[in-house]
């Protein structure tokens, strides 16, 4: 299941993952905050959760390589991104 809404705060109805019993993985495109309610609910239910900041990171890594023709410093970029984003 993918959350493509532009906000981290979802209604209780959208967070009700019981409506989708076959879902095993959730992906949230929201990257701010780092840990969204959608991902938190998925993790609480034992589902695999892919946070939006990870998508943002990999987009940046790919763009860096395309623009510079140099392998992106993924670890440094990951650290900088996580330091810049709110934790709540």
N, C-alpha and C. Protein backbone atom coordinates (compact mmCIF):
# COMPACT_ATOMS: atom_id res chain seq x y z
N UNK A 1 0.84 -1.15 0.00
CA UNK A 1 0.00 0.00 0.00
C UNK A 1 0.90 1.23 0.00
N UNK A 2 0.52 2.22 -0.78
CA UNK A 2 1.32 3.43 -0.88
C UNK A 2 0.47 4.63 -0.46
N UNK A 3 1.00 5.43 0.45
CA UNK A 3 0.37 6.69 0.81
C UNK A 3 0.97 7.78 -0.07
N UNK A 4 0.15 8.34 -0.95
CA UNK A 4 0.63 9.41 -1.82
C UNK A 4 0.00 10.75 -1.47
N UNK A 5 -0.65 10.82 -0.31
CA UNK A 5 -1.19 12.10 0.11
C UNK A 5 -0.03 13.01 0.50
N UNK A 6 -0.20 14.33 0.41
CA UNK A 6 0.91 15.23 0.69
C UNK A 6 1.10 15.56 2.18
N UNK A 7 0.36 14.89 3.05
CA UNK A 7 0.45 15.22 4.48
C UNK A 7 0.76 13.98 5.30
N UNK A 8 1.43 14.19 6.41
CA UNK A 8 1.79 13.07 7.29
C UNK A 8 0.61 12.64 8.15
N UNK A 9 -0.31 13.54 8.44
CA UNK A 9 -1.43 13.22 9.31
C UNK A 9 -2.58 12.69 8.48
N UNK A 10 -2.88 11.42 8.67
CA UNK A 10 -3.97 10.79 7.94
C UNK A 10 -5.15 10.57 8.87
N UNK A 11 -6.33 10.48 8.31
CA UNK A 11 -7.52 10.23 9.11
C UNK A 11 -7.45 8.81 9.68
N UNK A 12 -8.20 8.59 10.73
CA UNK A 12 -8.26 7.25 11.33
C UNK A 12 -8.74 6.22 10.31
N UNK A 13 -9.60 6.64 9.42
CA UNK A 13 -10.12 5.72 8.39
C UNK A 13 -9.00 5.24 7.47
N UNK A 14 -8.12 6.17 7.07
CA UNK A 14 -7.01 5.78 6.20
C UNK A 14 -5.95 4.98 6.94
N UNK A 15 -5.84 5.20 8.24
CA UNK A 15 -4.87 4.45 9.04
C UNK A 15 -5.39 3.07 9.43
N UNK A 16 -6.66 2.79 9.15
CA UNK A 16 -7.24 1.51 9.50
C UNK A 16 -6.80 0.44 8.50
N UNK A 17 -5.66 -0.14 8.76
CA UNK A 17 -5.09 -1.13 7.85
C UNK A 17 -5.82 -2.46 7.91
N UNK A 18 -6.74 -2.62 8.87
CA UNK A 18 -7.56 -3.84 8.92
C UNK A 18 -8.41 -3.98 7.67
N UNK A 19 -8.70 -2.88 7.00
CA UNK A 19 -9.52 -2.90 5.78
C UNK A 19 -8.77 -3.57 4.63
N UNK A 20 -7.47 -3.74 4.78
CA UNK A 20 -6.64 -4.28 3.71
C UNK A 20 -5.81 -5.45 4.26
N UNK A 21 -6.46 -6.59 4.49
CA UNK A 21 -5.77 -7.70 5.17
C UNK A 21 -4.60 -8.31 4.39
N UNK A 22 -4.55 -8.11 3.08
CA UNK A 22 -3.48 -8.70 2.28
C UNK A 22 -2.23 -7.83 2.20
N UNK A 23 -2.30 -6.63 2.74
CA UNK A 23 -1.16 -5.72 2.68
C UNK A 23 -0.04 -6.24 3.57
N UNK A 24 1.16 -6.29 3.02
CA UNK A 24 2.34 -6.74 3.77
C UNK A 24 3.39 -5.64 3.88
N UNK A 25 3.35 -4.69 2.93
CA UNK A 25 4.33 -3.62 2.88
C UNK A 25 3.60 -2.30 2.67
N UNK A 26 4.01 -1.27 3.41
CA UNK A 26 3.48 0.08 3.17
C UNK A 26 4.64 0.99 2.80
N UNK A 27 4.33 1.94 1.93
CA UNK A 27 5.32 2.92 1.47
C UNK A 27 4.69 4.29 1.61
N UNK A 28 5.33 5.15 2.35
CA UNK A 28 4.82 6.50 2.57
C UNK A 28 5.71 7.49 1.83
N UNK A 29 5.16 8.24 0.89
CA UNK A 29 5.98 9.21 0.16
C UNK A 29 6.23 10.47 0.99
N UNK A 30 5.52 10.63 2.08
CA UNK A 30 5.74 11.78 2.97
C UNK A 30 7.08 11.59 3.68
N UNK A 31 7.95 12.60 3.62
CA UNK A 31 9.27 12.47 4.23
C UNK A 31 9.47 13.37 5.44
N UNK A 32 8.50 14.19 5.73
CA UNK A 32 8.61 15.12 6.86
C UNK A 32 7.32 15.07 7.65
N UNK A 33 7.36 14.44 8.82
CA UNK A 33 8.50 14.02 9.63
C UNK A 33 9.06 12.67 9.16
N UNK A 34 10.20 12.33 9.72
CA UNK A 34 10.89 11.09 9.36
C UNK A 34 10.01 9.88 9.63
N UNK A 35 9.35 9.87 10.77
CA UNK A 35 8.52 8.72 11.16
C UNK A 35 7.06 9.17 11.18
N UNK A 36 6.33 8.83 10.14
CA UNK A 36 4.94 9.26 9.99
C UNK A 36 3.99 8.32 10.73
N UNK A 37 2.78 8.80 11.06
CA UNK A 37 1.79 7.93 11.67
C UNK A 37 1.46 6.70 10.82
N UNK A 38 1.47 6.85 9.50
CA UNK A 38 1.18 5.74 8.60
C UNK A 38 2.22 4.63 8.77
N UNK A 39 3.49 5.00 8.75
CA UNK A 39 4.56 4.01 8.93
C UNK A 39 4.52 3.44 10.35
N UNK A 40 4.25 4.27 11.33
CA UNK A 40 4.18 3.80 12.71
C UNK A 40 3.07 2.76 12.88
N UNK A 41 1.93 3.01 12.29
CA UNK A 41 0.81 2.06 12.38
C UNK A 41 1.16 0.75 11.68
N UNK A 42 1.80 0.85 10.54
CA UNK A 42 2.21 -0.36 9.82
C UNK A 42 3.20 -1.18 10.65
N UNK A 43 4.16 -0.52 11.24
CA UNK A 43 5.15 -1.21 12.06
C UNK A 43 4.50 -1.84 13.29
N UNK A 44 3.54 -1.12 13.87
CA UNK A 44 2.83 -1.65 15.03
C UNK A 44 2.14 -2.96 14.68
N UNK A 45 1.71 -3.08 13.43
CA UNK A 45 1.02 -4.29 12.97
C UNK A 45 1.97 -5.34 12.40
N UNK A 46 3.27 -5.06 12.46
CA UNK A 46 4.25 -6.03 11.99
C UNK A 46 4.47 -6.03 10.49
N UNK A 47 4.02 -4.97 9.82
CA UNK A 47 4.20 -4.86 8.37
C UNK A 47 5.56 -4.23 8.05
N UNK A 48 6.02 -4.45 6.86
CA UNK A 48 7.23 -3.78 6.39
C UNK A 48 6.86 -2.35 6.06
N UNK A 49 7.65 -1.40 6.53
CA UNK A 49 7.35 0.01 6.36
C UNK A 49 8.53 0.71 5.67
N UNK A 50 8.25 1.37 4.56
CA UNK A 50 9.28 2.11 3.83
C UNK A 50 8.95 3.60 3.96
N UNK A 51 9.78 4.36 4.66
CA UNK A 51 9.50 5.78 4.88
C UNK A 51 9.83 6.64 3.66
N UNK A 52 9.14 7.76 3.57
CA UNK A 52 9.32 8.68 2.45
C UNK A 52 10.70 9.28 2.35
N UNK A 53 11.38 9.46 3.50
CA UNK A 53 12.72 10.05 3.44
C UNK A 53 13.68 9.14 2.67
N UNK A 54 13.41 7.84 2.68
CA UNK A 54 14.26 6.92 1.93
C UNK A 54 14.10 7.13 0.42
N UNK A 55 12.87 7.40 -0.01
CA UNK A 55 12.62 7.73 -1.41
C UNK A 55 13.34 9.03 -1.77
N UNK A 56 13.22 10.02 -0.92
CA UNK A 56 13.86 11.31 -1.15
C UNK A 56 15.38 11.15 -1.27
N UNK A 57 15.95 10.35 -0.39
CA UNK A 57 17.39 10.10 -0.42
C UNK A 57 17.80 9.47 -1.75
N UNK A 58 17.10 8.45 -2.17
CA UNK A 58 17.51 7.75 -3.39
C UNK A 58 17.27 8.59 -4.64
N UNK A 59 16.28 9.47 -4.61
CA UNK A 59 16.12 10.42 -5.72
C UNK A 59 17.33 11.34 -5.79
N UNK A 60 17.75 11.83 -4.62
CA UNK A 60 18.89 12.75 -4.57
C UNK A 60 20.19 12.06 -5.00
N UNK A 61 20.36 10.83 -4.58
CA UNK A 61 21.56 10.07 -4.95
C UNK A 61 21.61 9.91 -6.47
N UNK A 62 20.49 9.55 -7.07
CA UNK A 62 20.45 9.37 -8.52
C UNK A 62 20.72 10.70 -9.24
N UNK A 63 20.10 11.78 -8.76
CA UNK A 63 20.31 13.09 -9.38
C UNK A 63 21.77 13.53 -9.27
N UNK A 64 22.36 13.32 -8.10
CA UNK A 64 23.76 13.69 -7.90
C UNK A 64 24.64 13.00 -8.94
N UNK A 65 24.42 11.70 -9.10
CA UNK A 65 25.22 10.93 -10.05
C UNK A 65 24.98 11.39 -11.48
N UNK A 66 23.73 11.67 -11.83
CA UNK A 66 23.42 12.15 -13.18
C UNK A 66 24.09 13.49 -13.48
N UNK A 67 24.06 14.40 -12.52
CA UNK A 67 24.61 15.73 -12.74
C UNK A 67 26.13 15.79 -12.70
N UNK A 68 26.73 14.94 -11.86
CA UNK A 68 28.17 15.05 -11.66
C UNK A 68 28.98 13.93 -12.32
N UNK A 69 28.30 12.85 -12.70
CA UNK A 69 28.96 11.67 -13.25
C UNK A 69 29.94 11.07 -12.24
N UNK A 70 29.63 11.27 -10.96
CA UNK A 70 30.42 10.76 -9.85
C UNK A 70 29.47 9.97 -8.95
N UNK A 71 29.94 8.87 -8.40
CA UNK A 71 29.11 8.13 -7.45
C UNK A 71 28.77 9.02 -6.26
N UNK A 72 27.50 9.02 -5.91
CA UNK A 72 27.04 9.86 -4.80
C UNK A 72 27.54 9.32 -3.46
N UNK A 73 27.87 10.23 -2.53
CA UNK A 73 28.27 9.81 -1.19
C UNK A 73 27.03 9.47 -0.35
N UNK A 74 26.49 8.30 -0.55
CA UNK A 74 25.20 7.94 0.03
C UNK A 74 25.17 8.07 1.55
N UNK A 75 26.19 7.57 2.21
CA UNK A 75 26.21 7.63 3.69
C UNK A 75 26.17 9.07 4.19
N UNK A 76 26.96 9.93 3.59
CA UNK A 76 26.99 11.34 4.00
C UNK A 76 25.66 12.01 3.69
N UNK A 77 25.09 11.69 2.55
CA UNK A 77 23.81 12.28 2.18
C UNK A 77 22.70 11.81 3.12
N UNK A 78 22.73 10.54 3.47
CA UNK A 78 21.73 9.98 4.40
C UNK A 78 21.82 10.68 5.76
N UNK A 79 23.04 10.81 6.26
CA UNK A 79 23.25 11.45 7.56
C UNK A 79 22.78 12.91 7.53
N UNK A 80 23.12 13.63 6.48
CA UNK A 80 22.71 15.04 6.37
C UNK A 80 21.20 15.18 6.28
N UNK A 81 20.57 14.31 5.53
CA UNK A 81 19.12 14.35 5.39
C UNK A 81 18.44 14.08 6.72
N UNK A 82 18.86 13.04 7.40
CA UNK A 82 18.22 12.69 8.67
C UNK A 82 18.46 13.76 9.74
N UNK A 83 19.59 14.44 9.68
CA UNK A 83 19.84 15.54 10.63
C UNK A 83 18.95 16.74 10.33
N UNK A 84 18.62 16.92 9.06
CA UNK A 84 17.85 18.10 8.66
C UNK A 84 16.34 17.92 8.88
N UNK A 85 15.86 16.70 8.91
CA UNK A 85 14.42 16.46 9.03
C UNK A 85 13.99 16.34 10.49
N UNK A 86 12.78 16.82 10.80
CA UNK A 86 12.26 16.66 12.18
C UNK A 86 12.07 15.18 12.51
N UNK A 87 12.25 14.83 13.76
CA UNK A 87 12.13 13.45 14.20
C UNK A 87 10.73 13.08 14.66
N UNK A 88 9.84 14.01 14.80
CA UNK A 88 8.50 13.70 15.31
C UNK A 88 7.50 13.53 14.20
